[in-house]
N, C-alpha and C. Protein backbone atom coordinates (compact mmCIF):
# COMPACT_ATOMS: atom_id res chain seq x y z
N UNK A 1 -40.86 70.59 78.04
CA UNK A 1 -39.94 70.29 76.95
C UNK A 1 -38.44 70.13 77.73
N UNK A 2 -37.95 69.50 77.27
CA UNK A 2 -36.37 69.29 77.67
C UNK A 2 -35.38 69.99 76.99
N UNK A 3 -34.51 70.75 77.38
CA UNK A 3 -33.50 71.51 76.57
C UNK A 3 -32.18 70.42 76.42
N UNK A 4 -31.27 70.78 75.65
CA UNK A 4 -30.23 69.97 75.50
C UNK A 4 -29.25 70.02 76.71
N UNK A 5 -29.35 71.26 77.41
CA UNK A 5 -28.38 71.31 78.47
C UNK A 5 -28.89 70.85 79.55
N UNK A 6 -29.85 70.24 79.67
CA UNK A 6 -30.74 69.64 80.84
C UNK A 6 -29.99 68.56 81.32
N UNK A 7 -29.48 68.68 82.66
CA UNK A 7 -28.72 67.49 83.21
C UNK A 7 -29.57 66.38 83.58
N UNK A 8 -28.94 65.19 83.55
CA UNK A 8 -29.41 63.85 83.98
C UNK A 8 -28.16 63.24 84.59
N UNK A 9 -28.64 62.62 85.72
CA UNK A 9 -27.68 62.10 86.69
C UNK A 9 -26.29 62.56 87.12
N UNK A 10 -26.37 64.23 87.32
CA UNK A 10 -25.24 64.88 87.14
C UNK A 10 -24.49 65.34 86.20
N UNK A 11 -24.90 64.92 85.07
CA UNK A 11 -24.19 65.23 83.66
C UNK A 11 -25.22 65.71 82.65
N UNK A 12 -24.90 66.70 81.91
CA UNK A 12 -25.45 67.17 80.69
C UNK A 12 -25.63 66.27 79.78
N UNK A 13 -26.68 66.19 78.94
CA UNK A 13 -26.58 65.22 77.59
C UNK A 13 -25.41 65.20 76.90
N UNK A 14 -24.86 66.46 76.60
CA UNK A 14 -23.71 66.77 75.93
C UNK A 14 -22.34 66.18 76.63
N UNK A 15 -22.41 66.13 78.02
CA UNK A 15 -21.23 65.57 78.72
C UNK A 15 -21.40 64.08 78.73
N UNK A 16 -22.68 63.51 78.56
CA UNK A 16 -22.66 62.10 78.28
C UNK A 16 -21.89 61.80 76.97
N UNK A 17 -22.66 62.60 76.05
CA UNK A 17 -21.98 62.04 74.51
C UNK A 17 -20.55 62.19 74.54
N UNK A 18 -19.85 63.20 75.20
CA UNK A 18 -18.33 63.39 75.09
C UNK A 18 -17.86 62.09 75.62
N UNK A 19 -18.32 62.09 77.03
CA UNK A 19 -17.87 60.68 77.70
C UNK A 19 -17.79 59.42 76.69
N UNK A 20 -18.68 59.27 76.01
CA UNK A 20 -18.85 58.15 75.07
C UNK A 20 -17.91 58.25 73.84
N UNK A 21 -17.59 59.32 73.37
CA UNK A 21 -16.62 59.74 72.70
C UNK A 21 -15.09 59.61 72.90
N UNK A 22 -15.03 59.49 74.16
CA UNK A 22 -13.58 59.19 74.77
C UNK A 22 -13.12 57.95 75.22
N UNK A 23 -11.90 57.50 75.05
CA UNK A 23 -11.60 56.14 75.76
C UNK A 23 -10.58 56.52 76.86
N UNK A 24 -10.68 55.80 77.80
CA UNK A 24 -9.70 56.01 78.96
C UNK A 24 -8.82 54.89 78.88
N UNK A 25 -7.53 55.00 78.52
CA UNK A 25 -6.45 54.10 78.41
C UNK A 25 -5.67 54.33 79.57
N UNK A 26 -4.83 53.01 79.79
CA UNK A 26 -3.70 53.21 80.69
C UNK A 26 -2.54 53.02 79.89
N UNK A 27 -1.53 54.26 80.06
CA UNK A 27 -0.33 54.12 79.11
C UNK A 27 0.88 53.63 80.04
N UNK A 28 1.86 52.79 79.23
CA UNK A 28 2.84 52.46 79.83
C UNK A 28 3.88 52.19 78.86
N UNK A 29 5.32 52.22 79.31
CA UNK A 29 6.33 51.94 78.29
C UNK A 29 7.02 50.50 78.29
N UNK A 30 7.28 49.96 77.21
CA UNK A 30 8.02 48.76 77.09
C UNK A 30 9.34 49.16 76.31
N UNK A 31 10.46 49.07 76.78
CA UNK A 31 11.74 50.09 76.17
C UNK A 31 11.40 51.40 75.87
N UNK A 32 11.49 51.82 74.68
CA UNK A 32 11.30 53.37 74.47
C UNK A 32 10.10 53.65 73.86
N UNK A 33 9.32 52.47 73.58
CA UNK A 33 7.96 52.74 73.20
C UNK A 33 6.65 52.77 73.98
N UNK A 34 5.61 53.43 73.51
CA UNK A 34 4.50 53.62 74.23
C UNK A 34 3.21 52.97 73.94
N UNK A 35 2.82 52.38 74.86
CA UNK A 35 1.57 51.24 74.74
C UNK A 35 0.70 51.65 75.60
N UNK A 36 -0.88 51.30 75.27
CA UNK A 36 -1.88 51.39 76.23
C UNK A 36 -2.61 50.29 76.17
N UNK A 37 -3.50 50.33 77.38
CA UNK A 37 -4.75 49.12 77.51
C UNK A 37 -5.99 49.87 77.95
N UNK A 38 -6.93 49.19 77.62
CA UNK A 38 -8.26 49.75 78.37
C UNK A 38 -8.17 49.88 79.87
N UNK A 39 -8.40 51.17 80.34
CA UNK A 39 -8.25 51.24 81.59
C UNK A 39 -9.22 50.18 82.51
N UNK A 40 -10.37 49.86 81.91
CA UNK A 40 -11.26 49.15 82.70
C UNK A 40 -10.79 47.68 82.99
N UNK A 41 -9.77 47.21 82.29
CA UNK A 41 -9.23 45.73 82.27
C UNK A 41 -8.29 45.94 83.50
N UNK A 42 -7.80 46.88 84.02
CA UNK A 42 -6.79 46.79 84.98
C UNK A 42 -7.28 46.49 86.49
N UNK A 43 -6.79 45.76 87.32
CA UNK A 43 -7.48 45.27 88.34
C UNK A 43 -6.61 46.17 89.49
N UNK A 44 -5.17 46.29 89.13
CA UNK A 44 -4.22 47.22 90.01
C UNK A 44 -2.86 47.31 89.42
N UNK A 45 -2.03 48.22 89.85
CA UNK A 45 -0.83 48.35 89.26
C UNK A 45 0.17 48.22 90.68
N UNK A 46 1.15 47.25 90.49
CA UNK A 46 2.11 47.15 91.86
C UNK A 46 3.52 47.04 91.29
N UNK A 47 4.46 47.46 92.22
CA UNK A 47 5.79 47.54 92.10
C UNK A 47 6.40 46.14 91.89
N UNK A 48 7.03 45.80 90.88
CA UNK A 48 7.65 44.27 90.41
C UNK A 48 8.65 43.88 91.33
N UNK A 49 9.52 44.72 92.12
CA UNK A 49 10.50 44.52 92.76
C UNK A 49 10.37 43.62 93.98
N UNK A 50 9.25 43.83 94.87
CA UNK A 50 9.13 42.96 95.87
C UNK A 50 8.47 41.64 95.75
N UNK A 51 8.14 41.23 94.42
CA UNK A 51 7.44 40.07 94.19
C UNK A 51 8.40 39.26 93.20
N UNK A 52 8.83 38.24 93.95
CA UNK A 52 9.50 37.19 93.24
C UNK A 52 8.77 36.39 92.21
N UNK A 53 9.37 36.45 90.89
CA UNK A 53 8.63 35.74 89.89
C UNK A 53 9.23 34.24 90.02
N UNK A 54 8.61 33.22 90.09
CA UNK A 54 8.99 32.07 90.14
C UNK A 54 8.59 31.31 88.92
N UNK A 55 9.74 30.63 88.24
CA UNK A 55 9.53 29.95 87.10
C UNK A 55 8.95 28.91 87.33
N UNK A 56 7.88 28.43 86.21
CA UNK A 56 7.10 27.23 86.28
C UNK A 56 7.43 26.39 85.03
N UNK A 57 7.95 24.84 85.33
CA UNK A 57 8.29 24.01 84.26
C UNK A 57 7.25 23.79 83.54
N UNK A 58 7.48 23.73 82.21
CA UNK A 58 6.64 23.40 80.87
C UNK A 58 5.43 24.35 80.83
N UNK A 59 5.46 25.62 81.24
CA UNK A 59 4.75 26.73 81.15
C UNK A 59 5.03 27.25 79.85
N UNK A 60 4.08 27.74 79.11
CA UNK A 60 4.22 28.36 77.66
C UNK A 60 5.43 29.30 77.66
N UNK A 61 5.93 29.50 76.77
CA UNK A 61 7.35 30.34 76.69
C UNK A 61 6.86 31.90 76.93
N UNK A 62 5.46 32.12 76.64
CA UNK A 62 5.31 33.58 76.96
C UNK A 62 5.07 33.92 78.46
N UNK A 63 5.04 32.92 79.30
CA UNK A 63 4.83 33.19 80.86
C UNK A 63 6.17 33.06 81.45
N UNK A 64 6.54 34.39 82.04
CA UNK A 64 7.68 34.67 82.71
C UNK A 64 7.91 33.44 83.87
N UNK A 65 6.64 33.44 84.60
CA UNK A 65 6.77 32.81 85.82
C UNK A 65 5.27 33.13 86.49
N UNK A 66 5.28 32.81 87.81
CA UNK A 66 4.18 33.11 88.73
C UNK A 66 4.49 33.85 89.83
N UNK A 67 3.75 34.97 90.27
CA UNK A 67 3.79 35.57 91.79
C UNK A 67 2.56 35.09 92.36
N UNK A 68 2.80 35.50 93.91
CA UNK A 68 1.75 35.17 94.80
C UNK A 68 1.42 36.72 95.30
N UNK A 69 0.31 36.85 95.04
CA UNK A 69 -0.19 38.55 95.60
C UNK A 69 -1.44 38.14 96.47
N UNK A 70 -1.08 38.48 97.90
CA UNK A 70 -2.51 38.08 98.84
C UNK A 70 -3.04 36.97 98.55
N UNK A 71 -2.22 35.78 98.45
CA UNK A 71 -2.68 34.35 98.66
C UNK A 71 -3.13 33.81 97.17
N UNK A 72 -3.07 34.64 96.16
CA UNK A 72 -3.53 34.48 94.78
C UNK A 72 -2.28 34.02 93.91
N UNK A 73 -2.23 33.15 93.22
CA UNK A 73 -1.10 32.70 92.24
C UNK A 73 -1.35 33.46 90.94
N UNK A 74 -0.58 34.28 90.40
CA UNK A 74 -0.79 34.94 89.26
C UNK A 74 0.20 34.73 88.20
N UNK A 75 0.02 34.37 86.89
CA UNK A 75 0.89 34.24 85.95
C UNK A 75 1.48 35.72 85.39
N UNK A 76 2.70 35.80 85.28
CA UNK A 76 3.42 36.91 84.84
C UNK A 76 3.92 36.80 83.36
N UNK A 77 3.58 37.81 82.59
CA UNK A 77 4.15 37.90 81.32
C UNK A 77 4.92 39.20 81.15
N UNK A 78 6.33 38.89 80.73
CA UNK A 78 7.07 39.86 80.79
C UNK A 78 6.96 40.73 79.03
N UNK A 79 6.37 41.94 79.06
CA UNK A 79 5.92 42.31 77.80
C UNK A 79 7.18 42.82 76.88
N UNK A 80 8.41 42.87 77.55
CA UNK A 80 9.69 43.16 77.05
C UNK A 80 10.03 41.98 76.07
N UNK A 81 9.94 40.66 76.72
CA UNK A 81 10.44 39.52 75.95
C UNK A 81 8.93 39.43 75.11
N UNK A 82 7.81 39.60 75.19
CA UNK A 82 6.75 39.33 74.38
C UNK A 82 6.63 40.12 72.95
N UNK A 83 7.26 41.33 73.36
CA UNK A 83 7.49 42.40 72.19
C UNK A 83 8.89 42.20 71.50
N UNK A 84 9.76 41.33 72.00
CA UNK A 84 11.06 41.35 71.42
C UNK A 84 12.00 42.55 71.62
N UNK A 85 11.79 43.15 72.91
CA UNK A 85 12.45 44.43 73.25
C UNK A 85 13.64 44.06 74.20
N UNK A 86 14.89 44.57 73.93
CA UNK A 86 15.96 44.40 74.92
C UNK A 86 15.61 44.81 76.18
N UNK A 87 15.96 43.94 77.19
CA UNK A 87 15.79 44.29 78.83
C UNK A 87 17.00 45.32 79.27
N UNK A 88 16.51 46.51 79.41
CA UNK A 88 17.56 47.46 79.92
C UNK A 88 17.50 47.46 81.43
N UNK A 89 18.85 46.72 81.97
CA UNK A 89 18.86 46.70 83.55
C UNK A 89 18.73 47.89 84.16
N UNK A 90 18.83 48.96 83.55
CA UNK A 90 18.71 50.53 84.36
C UNK A 90 17.27 50.58 84.59
N UNK A 91 16.40 50.11 83.87
CA UNK A 91 14.97 50.36 84.20
C UNK A 91 14.41 49.27 85.19
N UNK A 92 15.20 48.25 85.42
CA UNK A 92 14.64 47.06 86.21
C UNK A 92 14.01 47.63 87.52
N UNK A 93 14.65 48.62 88.14
CA UNK A 93 14.11 49.16 89.42
C UNK A 93 12.81 49.80 89.23
N UNK A 94 12.55 50.27 88.07
CA UNK A 94 11.16 50.87 87.72
C UNK A 94 9.92 50.04 87.47
N UNK A 95 10.30 48.78 86.92
CA UNK A 95 9.41 47.76 86.41
C UNK A 95 8.12 47.78 87.37
N UNK A 96 7.02 47.60 86.74
CA UNK A 96 5.90 47.45 87.28
C UNK A 96 5.08 46.29 86.81
N UNK A 97 4.22 45.78 87.65
CA UNK A 97 3.22 44.79 87.01
C UNK A 97 1.74 45.28 87.00
N UNK A 98 1.13 45.38 85.85
CA UNK A 98 -0.23 45.73 85.66
C UNK A 98 -0.86 44.35 85.71
N UNK A 99 -1.74 44.43 86.85
CA UNK A 99 -2.68 43.08 86.89
C UNK A 99 -3.75 43.50 86.23
N UNK A 100 -4.33 42.49 85.35
CA UNK A 100 -5.31 42.64 84.41
C UNK A 100 -6.24 41.54 84.43
N UNK A 101 -7.47 41.43 83.70
CA UNK A 101 -8.43 40.46 83.76
C UNK A 101 -8.40 40.28 82.27
N UNK A 102 -8.15 38.97 81.84
CA UNK A 102 -8.11 38.74 80.40
C UNK A 102 -8.96 37.43 80.28
N UNK A 103 -10.02 37.43 79.59
CA UNK A 103 -10.86 36.13 79.38
C UNK A 103 -11.16 35.34 80.86
N UNK A 104 -11.31 36.08 81.50
CA UNK A 104 -11.93 35.64 83.16
C UNK A 104 -10.54 35.19 83.91
N UNK A 105 -9.45 35.46 83.45
CA UNK A 105 -8.02 35.03 84.18
C UNK A 105 -7.50 36.44 84.60
N UNK A 106 -6.89 36.38 85.75
CA UNK A 106 -5.99 37.42 86.37
C UNK A 106 -4.61 37.06 85.88
N UNK A 107 -3.94 38.16 85.18
CA UNK A 107 -2.37 38.09 84.79
C UNK A 107 -1.79 39.38 84.95
N UNK A 108 -0.48 39.12 85.25
CA UNK A 108 0.41 40.31 85.44
C UNK A 108 1.12 40.41 84.27
N UNK A 109 1.25 41.85 83.86
CA UNK A 109 2.03 42.13 82.62
C UNK A 109 3.11 43.08 83.48
N UNK A 110 4.34 42.62 82.97
CA UNK A 110 5.64 43.30 83.51
C UNK A 110 5.97 44.49 82.31
N UNK A 111 6.10 45.58 82.81
CA UNK A 111 6.35 46.81 82.01
C UNK A 111 7.50 47.56 82.42
N UNK A 112 8.19 48.58 81.62
CA UNK A 112 9.30 49.30 82.28
C UNK A 112 8.71 50.46 82.92
N UNK A 113 7.78 50.99 82.72
CA UNK A 113 7.31 52.27 83.45
C UNK A 113 5.81 52.61 83.05
N UNK A 114 5.02 53.22 83.87
CA UNK A 114 3.82 53.71 83.86
C UNK A 114 3.75 55.11 83.11
N UNK A 115 2.89 55.41 82.11
CA UNK A 115 2.89 56.64 81.80
C UNK A 115 1.68 57.50 82.60
N UNK A 116 0.59 56.52 82.75
CA UNK A 116 -0.80 57.14 83.38
C UNK A 116 -1.87 57.12 82.57
N UNK A 117 -2.87 57.67 83.21
CA UNK A 117 -4.10 57.57 82.33
C UNK A 117 -3.95 58.52 81.04
N UNK A 118 -4.38 57.78 79.90
CA UNK A 118 -4.58 58.78 78.50
C UNK A 118 -5.84 58.62 78.11
N UNK A 119 -6.67 60.00 78.25
CA UNK A 119 -7.72 60.15 77.63
C UNK A 119 -7.90 60.77 76.19
N UNK A 120 -8.37 59.49 75.23
CA UNK A 120 -8.16 59.90 73.95
C UNK A 120 -9.48 59.79 73.28
N UNK A 121 -9.74 60.57 72.05
CA UNK A 121 -10.98 60.60 71.39
C UNK A 121 -11.03 59.24 70.67
N UNK A 122 -12.35 58.72 70.68
CA UNK A 122 -12.46 57.41 70.09
C UNK A 122 -12.08 57.21 68.59
N UNK A 123 -12.39 58.35 68.01
CA UNK A 123 -12.19 58.52 66.67
C UNK A 123 -10.57 58.87 66.17
N UNK A 124 -9.65 58.93 67.19
CA UNK A 124 -8.29 59.27 67.07
C UNK A 124 -7.59 58.04 66.87
N UNK A 125 -8.11 56.78 67.28
CA UNK A 125 -7.52 55.68 67.49
C UNK A 125 -7.86 54.73 66.02
N UNK A 126 -6.67 54.70 65.38
CA UNK A 126 -6.83 54.08 64.13
C UNK A 126 -6.43 52.76 63.96
N UNK A 127 -6.77 51.86 63.32
CA UNK A 127 -6.56 50.41 63.16
C UNK A 127 -4.85 50.10 63.09
N UNK A 128 -4.35 49.21 63.50
CA UNK A 128 -3.20 48.94 63.37
C UNK A 128 -2.64 48.71 62.03
N UNK A 129 -1.68 49.05 61.61
CA UNK A 129 -1.09 48.98 60.23
C UNK A 129 -0.79 47.55 59.60
N UNK A 130 -1.49 47.36 58.67
CA UNK A 130 -1.58 45.94 58.05
C UNK A 130 -0.22 45.44 57.75
N UNK A 131 0.67 46.66 57.62
CA UNK A 131 1.99 46.10 57.05
C UNK A 131 3.01 45.14 58.08
N UNK A 132 2.15 45.53 59.30
CA UNK A 132 3.02 44.70 60.43
C UNK A 132 2.78 43.32 60.49
N UNK A 133 1.70 42.88 59.70
CA UNK A 133 1.19 41.39 59.69
C UNK A 133 2.21 40.65 58.95
N UNK A 134 2.46 39.41 59.70
CA UNK A 134 3.25 38.46 58.82
C UNK A 134 4.73 38.96 58.51
N UNK A 135 5.34 39.79 59.14
CA UNK A 135 6.50 40.36 59.24
C UNK A 135 7.47 40.08 60.37
N UNK A 136 8.69 40.41 60.44
CA UNK A 136 9.46 39.75 61.39
C UNK A 136 9.19 40.43 62.66
N UNK A 137 8.47 41.71 62.72
CA UNK A 137 8.31 42.60 63.90
C UNK A 137 7.21 41.92 64.66
N UNK A 138 6.77 42.64 65.67
CA UNK A 138 5.62 42.38 66.70
C UNK A 138 4.36 42.19 65.97
N UNK A 139 3.59 41.15 65.69
CA UNK A 139 2.42 41.11 64.67
C UNK A 139 1.19 42.15 65.06
N UNK A 140 0.43 42.49 64.02
CA UNK A 140 -0.57 43.43 64.36
C UNK A 140 -1.47 43.05 65.02
N UNK A 141 -1.58 41.75 65.37
CA UNK A 141 -2.81 41.17 66.13
C UNK A 141 -2.76 41.58 67.56
N UNK A 142 -1.49 41.89 68.03
CA UNK A 142 -1.10 42.30 69.35
C UNK A 142 -2.00 43.88 69.57
N UNK A 143 -2.18 44.31 68.54
CA UNK A 143 -2.54 45.77 68.76
C UNK A 143 -4.06 45.95 68.27
N UNK A 144 -4.93 46.67 68.68
CA UNK A 144 -6.20 46.88 68.33
C UNK A 144 -6.15 48.13 67.69
N UNK A 145 -5.29 48.91 67.94
CA UNK A 145 -5.06 50.37 67.14
C UNK A 145 -3.91 51.25 67.63
N UNK A 146 -3.83 52.29 66.84
CA UNK A 146 -2.61 53.25 67.06
C UNK A 146 -3.34 54.62 67.50
N UNK A 147 -2.95 55.31 68.24
CA UNK A 147 -3.08 56.79 68.35
C UNK A 147 -1.93 57.58 68.62
N UNK A 148 -2.05 58.86 68.82
CA UNK A 148 -0.88 59.82 69.07
C UNK A 148 -1.32 60.40 70.42
N UNK A 149 -0.08 60.98 70.96
CA UNK A 149 -0.03 61.47 72.30
C UNK A 149 0.95 62.69 72.06
N UNK A 150 0.54 63.66 71.61
CA UNK A 150 1.66 64.66 71.23
C UNK A 150 2.29 64.06 69.97
N UNK A 151 3.76 64.15 69.98
CA UNK A 151 4.53 63.56 68.82
C UNK A 151 4.55 62.18 68.76
N UNK A 152 3.97 61.45 69.88
CA UNK A 152 4.43 60.05 70.02
C UNK A 152 3.29 59.28 69.73
N UNK A 153 3.84 58.04 69.18
CA UNK A 153 2.68 57.17 68.60
C UNK A 153 2.55 56.27 69.79
N UNK A 154 1.31 55.60 70.19
CA UNK A 154 0.95 55.03 71.15
C UNK A 154 0.13 53.69 70.51
N UNK A 155 0.67 52.70 70.77
CA UNK A 155 -0.01 51.38 70.29
C UNK A 155 -0.99 50.92 71.34
N UNK A 156 -2.15 50.63 70.92
CA UNK A 156 -3.27 50.11 71.89
C UNK A 156 -3.34 48.56 71.93
N UNK A 157 -2.84 47.95 72.86
CA UNK A 157 -2.77 46.62 72.93
C UNK A 157 -4.04 45.79 73.02
N UNK A 158 -4.12 44.61 72.38
CA UNK A 158 -5.21 43.69 72.25
C UNK A 158 -4.80 42.57 73.24
N UNK A 159 -5.34 42.68 74.67
CA UNK A 159 -4.87 41.90 75.45
C UNK A 159 -5.34 40.37 75.23
N UNK A 160 -6.40 40.04 74.55
CA UNK A 160 -6.77 38.71 74.14
C UNK A 160 -5.66 38.06 73.26
N UNK A 161 -5.36 38.70 72.27
CA UNK A 161 -4.30 38.27 71.33
C UNK A 161 -2.96 38.26 72.11
N UNK A 162 -2.70 39.12 72.77
CA UNK A 162 -1.27 39.24 73.49
C UNK A 162 -0.93 37.64 74.36
N UNK A 163 -2.09 37.21 75.02
CA UNK A 163 -2.09 36.14 75.65
C UNK A 163 -2.27 34.83 74.99
N UNK A 164 -2.28 34.79 73.52
CA UNK A 164 -2.59 33.74 72.95
C UNK A 164 -1.15 33.18 72.38
N UNK A 165 -0.56 32.05 73.14
CA UNK A 165 0.60 31.57 72.80
C UNK A 165 1.12 31.13 71.15
N UNK A 166 0.12 31.00 70.43
CA UNK A 166 0.19 30.86 69.03
C UNK A 166 0.50 32.02 68.07
N UNK A 167 0.17 33.19 68.57
CA UNK A 167 0.39 34.61 68.11
C UNK A 167 1.66 35.12 68.48
N UNK A 168 2.58 35.64 67.44
CA UNK A 168 3.70 36.18 67.62
C UNK A 168 4.88 35.89 68.65
N UNK A 169 5.02 34.62 68.57
CA UNK A 169 6.19 34.05 69.39
C UNK A 169 7.40 34.99 69.13
N UNK A 170 7.97 35.36 70.29
CA UNK A 170 9.10 36.08 70.17
C UNK A 170 10.16 35.57 70.25
N UNK A 171 10.34 34.04 70.34
CA UNK A 171 11.43 33.29 70.14
C UNK A 171 12.01 33.40 68.78
N UNK A 172 13.33 33.43 68.70
CA UNK A 172 14.07 33.46 67.37
C UNK A 172 14.29 34.68 66.92
N UNK A 173 13.72 35.84 67.39
CA UNK A 173 13.81 37.18 67.03
C UNK A 173 14.95 37.79 67.88
N UNK A 174 15.51 38.74 67.32
CA UNK A 174 16.33 39.41 68.08
C UNK A 174 15.89 40.41 68.98
N UNK A 175 16.53 40.64 70.17
CA UNK A 175 15.62 41.65 71.17
C UNK A 175 16.41 42.88 71.05
N UNK A 176 16.24 43.66 69.97
CA UNK A 176 16.61 45.12 69.92
C UNK A 176 15.71 45.72 69.73
N UNK A 177 15.89 47.19 70.57
CA UNK A 177 14.88 48.36 70.22
C UNK A 177 15.56 49.56 70.05
């Protein structure tokens, strides 16, 4: 007979269930606010400063430009612009590019700062508030949920919606945070 504490593959059955009940998210800041994405979508995180972002004529407005990383041309999306957040020149030196895979494409996301890995219980992530839909703020489609980290609210970003140029164009919105 097998007992509940019996080990399988280096983990007890209880540890396997606990791992399934937790999400590993990568936290970052855009302006003063905290956001997170599924850590498994991240290829790497790099400093933004040494990489020159070159503008591309006729590119969708959400694309800041492209960088070349080890011979690969990667489009860059500035999440400050995408979320309508004022760009703080003081944070420019801290900017990072989170290189992610979205719908089979490699994309760089410019953020102000990296928070790090956030382990959250799956049931602590709540759906994004419906009041955000259709308002002048960032559309709820950008977010798959919201969770708490201490006293702070963290928005979990829906990468697929974030890269859809028809959703939440930040053009015409004031960039204040």
